[in-house]
Amino acid sequence: MLPRSFLYVPGNRPELFDKAAGGQADAVVLDLEDAVPLPAKAEAREAVRRWLDARDPTTGAQAWVRVDPAALTADLDAVLHPHLDGLFLATATPAALDSLTAHPRWLRSERQRASRNHHPSGDPVVEEQAVVEERAPASVSKPPSVVALIESAEGLQTLQQMSTHPALTAFGIGEVDLLGDLRVTRTHRTEAVVLALRTQVVVASAAAGLEAPVAPTSTDFRDLDAFAESTRLALDHGFRSRTAIHPAQVPVIHDALTPTADEVAAAQDVVGRYEDSGSSVALDSTGRLIDGAVVRGARETLARADT
């Protein structure tokens, strides 16, 4: 299950990295894309690489990096690291995902490796050791998780294609960029359009068996009441994580996305009644039928409570 909260930190502000990672956020996202001016990109990559080198992966928030598809090779050269937990791929497209896994330092997943190393006959294919080492450096023990940010019309149209990519963990939405690319102005009159766009991402994620998508943040970090309400709405719409641009937004995300004690107790009761019934017909405390869908929802609630 993905972290509940992802706090963006500009990649050219290394003085903030430790502070952010030691705060309340479940994960920090060191941003090498929009947050960094073009002349500062190389310096930011080096700052992120140095921080990953020095990071203790057993403490603090998870370490994620947002990479730019326009400079993907340079970004990955710097940040593919054993202390990296995940990547946010900005303006995701099928081609960008393919470029990600084609990078020579990308360690293929077990499924990719099994597919690559077997002949159609089923016999294993023995590769030269030098080739294997080039593809999977010893310094990288596993591939990072990948959140593909839907920020363009192309990304939206290729959701289904991307959803089956072996590198993909989840989708996220970069809503400001997406609406700009679609020439949609965000007003109260376009709320239905925004909901429809989000629903496409939620449906594609569920259909492919991906993690629940990451909800977009709000740039108005001062209005925390509105942020709390929009986070609860995102939860109702099928999102289970959210990005933040300010530390004050993080506890709001946690409060909205973490099940309450009453919700946990109700979920435990549903699961208990169902299991006591031998997984057949059962009724909840109000006399309503407990079926498989209700039990799945209850177990998902308990899983979120354990994160």
Protein backbone atom coordinates (compact mmCIF):
# COMPACT_ATOMS: atom_id res chain seq x y z
CA MET A 1 0.00 0.00 0.00
CA LEU A 2 1.27 3.46 -0.91
CA PRO A 3 2.05 6.11 1.72
CA ARG A 4 -0.88 8.32 2.65
CA SER A 5 1.02 11.57 2.24
CA PHE A 6 3.69 12.70 -0.21
CA LEU A 7 5.35 16.04 0.59
CA TYR A 8 7.00 17.77 -2.36
CA VAL A 9 10.39 19.38 -1.71
CA PRO A 10 12.28 21.33 -4.43
CA GLY A 11 15.31 19.36 -5.53
CA ASN A 12 17.48 22.48 -5.42
CA ARG A 13 16.76 23.07 -1.71
CA PRO A 14 18.95 20.44 0.01
CA GLU A 15 18.76 22.33 3.30
CA LEU A 16 15.10 21.20 3.47
CA PHE A 17 15.60 17.50 2.71
CA ASP A 18 16.37 16.23 6.21
CA LYS A 19 13.79 18.48 7.81
CA ALA A 20 11.07 17.22 5.47
CA ALA A 21 12.08 13.57 5.85
CA GLY A 22 12.08 13.91 9.62
CA GLY A 23 8.63 15.50 9.73
CA GLN A 24 5.15 14.04 9.69
CA ALA A 25 4.92 13.07 6.03
CA ASP A 26 4.89 9.38 5.13
CA ALA A 27 7.05 10.16 2.09
CA VAL A 28 9.00 13.08 0.69
CA VAL A 29 9.17 13.70 -3.05
CA LEU A 30 12.35 15.51 -4.05
CA ASP A 31 11.24 17.36 -7.16
CA LEU A 32 13.51 17.55 -10.20
CA GLU A 33 10.75 18.79 -12.50
CA ASP A 34 8.63 21.95 -12.17
CA ALA A 35 10.09 23.09 -8.85
CA VAL A 36 13.62 23.48 -10.25
CA PRO A 37 14.62 26.19 -12.76
CA LEU A 38 16.41 24.83 -15.82
CA PRO A 39 19.82 26.38 -14.94
CA ALA A 40 19.68 24.67 -11.52
CA LYS A 41 18.80 21.16 -12.76
CA ALA A 42 22.31 19.69 -12.70
CA GLU A 43 22.99 21.09 -9.23
CA ALA A 44 19.65 19.71 -7.99
CA ARG A 45 20.40 16.22 -9.32
CA GLU A 46 23.73 16.22 -7.55
CA ALA A 47 22.10 17.41 -4.31
CA VAL A 48 19.51 14.63 -4.46
CA ARG A 49 22.19 12.01 -5.23
CA ARG A 50 24.32 13.13 -2.28
CA TRP A 51 21.32 13.05 0.03
CA LEU A 52 20.38 9.53 -1.08
CA ASP A 53 23.99 8.44 -0.50
CA ALA A 54 23.88 9.71 3.08
CA ARG A 55 20.29 8.69 3.88
CA ASP A 56 19.49 6.01 6.45
CA PRO A 57 16.62 4.14 4.76
CA THR A 58 15.45 2.62 8.07
CA THR A 59 14.40 5.96 9.56
CA GLY A 60 12.21 8.87 8.56
CA ALA A 61 9.89 9.24 5.61
CA GLN A 62 10.14 7.24 2.43
CA ALA A 63 12.36 8.84 -0.24
CA TRP A 64 10.76 9.49 -3.62
CA VAL A 65 11.87 11.66 -6.54
CA ARG A 66 9.79 13.31 -9.25
CA VAL A 67 11.61 12.93 -12.56
CA ASP A 68 11.16 14.91 -15.74
CA PRO A 69 10.54 12.94 -18.97
CA ALA A 70 12.26 15.73 -20.89
CA ALA A 71 15.50 14.93 -19.03
CA LEU A 72 14.82 11.38 -17.95
CA THR A 73 18.23 9.85 -18.59
CA ALA A 74 20.06 12.52 -16.61
CA ASP A 75 17.53 12.35 -13.76
CA LEU A 76 17.72 8.56 -13.54
CA ASP A 77 21.51 8.59 -13.72
CA ALA A 78 21.44 10.62 -10.52
CA VAL A 79 18.61 9.07 -8.53
CA LEU A 80 18.39 5.33 -9.27
CA HIS A 81 19.83 4.32 -5.94
CA PRO A 82 19.37 1.56 -3.33
CA HIS A 83 18.03 4.16 -0.88
CA LEU A 84 15.31 5.33 -3.28
CA ASP A 85 11.78 4.09 -2.51
CA GLY A 86 9.94 5.39 -5.54
CA LEU A 87 9.60 7.67 -8.52
CA PHE A 88 6.91 10.07 -9.62
CA LEU A 89 7.03 10.15 -13.41
CA ALA A 90 5.79 13.57 -14.53
CA THR A 91 3.62 13.87 -17.65
CA ALA A 92 3.50 10.11 -17.96
CA THR A 93 3.04 8.43 -21.35
CA PRO A 94 3.68 4.87 -22.56
CA ALA A 95 6.90 6.04 -24.21
CA ALA A 96 8.11 7.65 -20.97
CA LEU A 97 7.42 4.46 -19.01
CA ASP A 98 9.32 2.45 -21.60
CA SER A 99 12.24 4.88 -21.41
CA LEU A 100 12.25 4.49 -17.65
CA THR A 101 12.70 0.73 -17.75
CA ALA A 102 15.11 0.89 -20.70
CA HIS A 103 17.60 2.83 -18.59
CA PRO A 104 20.69 0.63 -18.14
CA ARG A 105 20.57 0.95 -14.34
CA TRP A 106 16.97 -0.15 -14.05
CA LEU A 107 16.68 -3.52 -12.34
CA ARG A 108 13.90 -5.49 -14.01
CA SER A 109 11.18 -6.96 -11.83
CA GLU A 110 10.95 -10.71 -11.28
CA ARG A 111 8.20 -10.92 -13.85
CA GLN A 112 10.19 -9.01 -16.45
CA ARG A 113 13.28 -11.06 -15.74
CA ALA A 114 11.39 -14.35 -15.99
CA SER A 115 9.86 -13.28 -19.30
CA ARG A 116 13.20 -12.08 -20.70
CA ASN A 117 15.20 -15.09 -19.56
CA HIS A 118 12.99 -17.81 -21.01
CA HIS A 119 12.71 -18.96 -24.57
CA PRO A 120 9.17 -19.40 -25.96
CA SER A 121 9.82 -23.15 -25.60
CA GLY A 122 9.99 -22.65 -21.84
CA ASP A 123 13.72 -23.35 -21.63
CA PRO A 124 15.78 -20.81 -19.66
CA VAL A 125 18.10 -18.55 -21.61
CA VAL A 126 21.58 -18.11 -20.15
CA GLU A 127 22.85 -14.56 -20.63
CA GLU A 128 26.41 -13.35 -20.47
CA GLN A 129 27.26 -12.21 -16.94
CA ALA A 130 28.48 -8.81 -18.16
CA VAL A 131 25.11 -8.12 -19.79
CA VAL A 132 23.23 -9.06 -16.63
CA GLU A 133 25.44 -6.82 -14.52
CA GLU A 134 24.97 -3.91 -16.91
CA ARG A 135 21.19 -4.21 -16.66
CA ALA A 136 21.09 -4.69 -12.90
CA PRO A 137 23.99 -3.07 -11.03
CA ALA A 138 24.75 -4.64 -7.68
CA SER A 139 24.19 -1.28 -5.99
CA VAL A 140 20.47 -1.40 -6.85
CA SER A 141 18.72 -4.22 -5.00
CA LYS A 142 15.20 -3.71 -6.33
CA PRO A 143 13.31 -1.47 -8.74
CA PRO A 144 11.60 1.53 -7.13
CA SER A 145 7.84 1.91 -7.06
CA VAL A 146 6.51 4.13 -9.84
CA VAL A 147 3.60 6.57 -9.76
CA ALA A 148 2.72 7.79 -13.26
CA LEU A 149 1.31 11.32 -13.15
CA ILE A 150 -1.51 11.95 -15.61
CA GLU A 151 -0.88 15.53 -16.73
CA SER A 152 -1.75 15.56 -20.42
CA ALA A 153 -4.42 14.56 -22.91
CA GLU A 154 -2.07 11.87 -24.22
CA GLY A 155 -1.65 10.43 -20.75
CA LEU A 156 -5.40 10.38 -20.26
CA GLN A 157 -6.01 8.65 -23.59
CA THR A 158 -3.40 5.98 -22.91
CA LEU A 159 -4.45 5.11 -19.36
CA GLN A 160 -5.38 1.55 -20.26
CA GLN A 161 -2.13 0.96 -22.13
CA MET A 162 -0.03 2.31 -19.28
CA SER A 163 -2.00 0.45 -16.63
CA THR A 164 -0.52 -2.87 -17.79
CA HIS A 165 3.08 -1.67 -17.80
CA PRO A 166 5.16 -3.93 -15.50
CA ALA A 167 6.95 -0.99 -13.87
CA LEU A 168 3.79 0.81 -12.81
CA THR A 169 2.61 0.85 -9.19
CA ALA A 170 -0.11 3.50 -9.35
CA PHE A 171 -1.39 6.56 -11.16
CA GLY A 172 -1.51 10.09 -9.83
CA ILE A 173 -3.01 13.25 -11.24
CA GLY A 174 -1.25 16.54 -11.92
CA GLU A 175 -4.50 18.39 -12.19
CA VAL A 176 -3.26 21.89 -12.99
CA ASP A 177 -1.19 20.62 -15.92
CA LEU A 178 -3.93 18.27 -17.10
CA LEU A 179 -6.64 20.92 -17.13
CA GLY A 180 -4.28 23.33 -18.88
CA ASP A 181 -3.54 20.79 -21.58
CA LEU A 182 -7.26 20.15 -22.03
CA ARG A 183 -7.99 23.92 -22.12
CA VAL A 184 -10.43 23.49 -19.23
CA THR A 185 -10.81 26.38 -16.81
CA ARG A 186 -11.41 25.29 -13.23
CA THR A 187 -14.58 26.91 -11.90
CA HIS A 188 -17.67 25.74 -10.07
CA ARG A 189 -19.18 25.18 -13.52
CA THR A 190 -16.51 22.60 -14.46
CA GLU A 191 -16.62 20.51 -11.27
CA ALA A 192 -18.37 17.70 -13.16
CA VAL A 193 -15.58 17.69 -15.75
CA VAL A 194 -12.89 17.40 -13.06
CA LEU A 195 -14.78 14.57 -11.39
CA ALA A 196 -15.13 12.74 -14.71
CA LEU A 197 -11.37 13.02 -15.33
CA ARG A 198 -10.57 11.70 -11.87
CA THR A 199 -13.03 8.85 -12.30
CA GLN A 200 -11.24 7.69 -15.45
CA VAL A 201 -8.02 7.33 -13.45
CA VAL A 202 -9.76 5.54 -10.58
CA VAL A 203 -11.47 3.07 -12.92
CA ALA A 204 -8.28 2.34 -14.89
CA SER A 205 -6.40 1.72 -11.64
CA ALA A 206 -8.99 -0.67 -10.22
CA ALA A 207 -9.43 -2.54 -13.50
CA ALA A 208 -5.68 -3.19 -13.73
CA GLY A 209 -5.31 -4.16 -10.08
CA LEU A 210 -3.02 -1.23 -9.33
CA GLU A 211 -2.71 0.58 -6.04
CA ALA A 212 -5.37 3.24 -5.52
CA PRO A 213 -4.34 6.48 -7.24
CA VAL A 214 -2.72 9.50 -5.61
CA ALA A 215 -4.94 12.56 -5.39
CA PRO A 216 -3.64 15.96 -6.54
CA THR A 217 -2.66 18.59 -4.03
CA SER A 218 -3.98 22.11 -3.58
CA THR A 219 -1.75 25.12 -4.09
CA ASP A 220 -3.83 27.06 -1.54
CA PHE A 221 -2.01 25.67 1.50
CA ARG A 222 -3.46 28.32 3.81
CA ASP A 223 -7.08 27.13 3.54
CA LEU A 224 -6.72 23.88 5.47
CA ASP A 225 -10.47 23.49 6.01
CA ALA A 226 -11.04 23.39 2.27
CA PHE A 227 -8.06 21.06 1.90
CA ALA A 228 -9.55 18.70 4.48
CA GLU A 229 -12.91 18.65 2.72
CA SER A 230 -11.33 18.02 -0.70
CA THR A 231 -9.22 15.20 0.78
CA ARG A 232 -12.31 13.53 2.24
CA LEU A 233 -13.98 13.91 -1.16
CA ALA A 234 -10.97 12.29 -2.85
CA LEU A 235 -11.23 9.38 -0.41
CA ASP A 236 -14.91 8.94 -1.30
CA HIS A 237 -13.98 8.99 -4.99
CA GLY A 238 -11.44 6.15 -4.68
CA PHE A 239 -8.12 7.84 -3.87
CA ARG A 240 -6.07 6.66 -0.90
CA SER A 241 -3.05 8.99 -0.98
CA ARG A 242 -2.46 12.67 -1.60
CA THR A 243 0.41 15.01 -2.42
CA ALA A 244 1.19 18.13 -0.41
CA ILE A 245 3.28 21.20 -1.10
CA HIS A 246 3.42 22.44 2.50
CA PRO A 247 4.05 20.56 5.78
CA ALA A 248 0.82 21.99 7.26
CA GLN A 249 -1.17 19.95 4.74
CA VAL A 250 0.31 16.62 5.88
CA PRO A 251 -1.62 16.10 9.16
CA VAL A 252 -4.79 17.12 7.35
CA ILE A 253 -4.21 14.33 4.82
CA HIS A 254 -3.58 11.81 7.57
CA ASP A 255 -6.68 12.81 9.50
CA ALA A 256 -8.88 12.50 6.42
CA LEU A 257 -7.41 9.28 5.00
CA THR A 258 -6.87 7.28 8.18
CA PRO A 259 -9.94 5.30 9.32
CA THR A 260 -11.42 6.41 12.61
CA ALA A 261 -11.65 4.11 15.64
CA ASP A 262 -15.37 3.66 14.94
CA GLU A 263 -14.70 2.76 11.30
CA VAL A 264 -12.07 0.22 12.35
CA ALA A 265 -14.38 -1.33 14.94
CA ALA A 266 -17.20 -1.60 12.39
CA ALA A 267 -14.86 -3.20 9.85
CA GLN A 268 -13.58 -5.70 12.42
CA ASP A 269 -17.16 -6.57 13.30
CA VAL A 270 -18.08 -7.18 9.65
CA VAL A 271 -15.03 -9.39 9.02
CA GLY A 272 -15.59 -11.28 12.26
CA ARG A 273 -19.25 -11.99 11.52
CA TYR A 274 -18.42 -13.10 7.99
CA GLU A 275 -15.66 -15.45 9.13
CA ASP A 276 -17.82 -16.85 11.96
CA SER A 277 -20.50 -17.66 9.38
CA GLY A 278 -18.07 -19.84 7.45
CA SER A 279 -17.93 -17.25 4.66
CA SER A 280 -21.59 -17.80 3.84
CA VAL A 281 -24.63 -15.67 4.68
CA ALA A 282 -24.09 -13.19 7.52
CA LEU A 283 -25.73 -10.04 8.82
CA ASP A 284 -24.08 -6.94 10.27
CA SER A 285 -25.06 -5.26 13.55
CA THR A 286 -27.95 -3.44 11.84
CA GLY A 287 -29.30 -6.56 10.17
CA ARG A 288 -27.99 -5.82 6.67
CA LEU A 289 -26.58 -8.60 4.50
CA ILE A 290 -22.81 -8.99 4.47
CA ASP A 291 -21.60 -10.06 1.04
CA GLY A 292 -18.17 -10.33 -0.55
CA ALA A 293 -18.04 -6.69 -1.61
CA VAL A 294 -18.82 -5.52 1.94
CA VAL A 295 -16.09 -7.76 3.33
CA ARG A 296 -13.56 -6.50 0.78
CA GLY A 297 -14.34 -2.95 1.80
CA ALA A 298 -13.97 -3.81 5.48
CA ARG A 299 -10.64 -5.51 4.94
CA GLU A 300 -9.40 -2.55 2.92
CA THR A 301 -10.35 -0.27 5.81
CA LEU A 302 -8.38 -2.44 8.23
CA ALA A 303 -5.39 -2.46 5.89
CA ARG A 304 -5.42 1.35 5.72
CA ALA A 305 -5.64 1.53 9.51
CA ASP A 306 -2.45 -0.53 9.79
CA THR A 307 -0.34 1.78 7.60
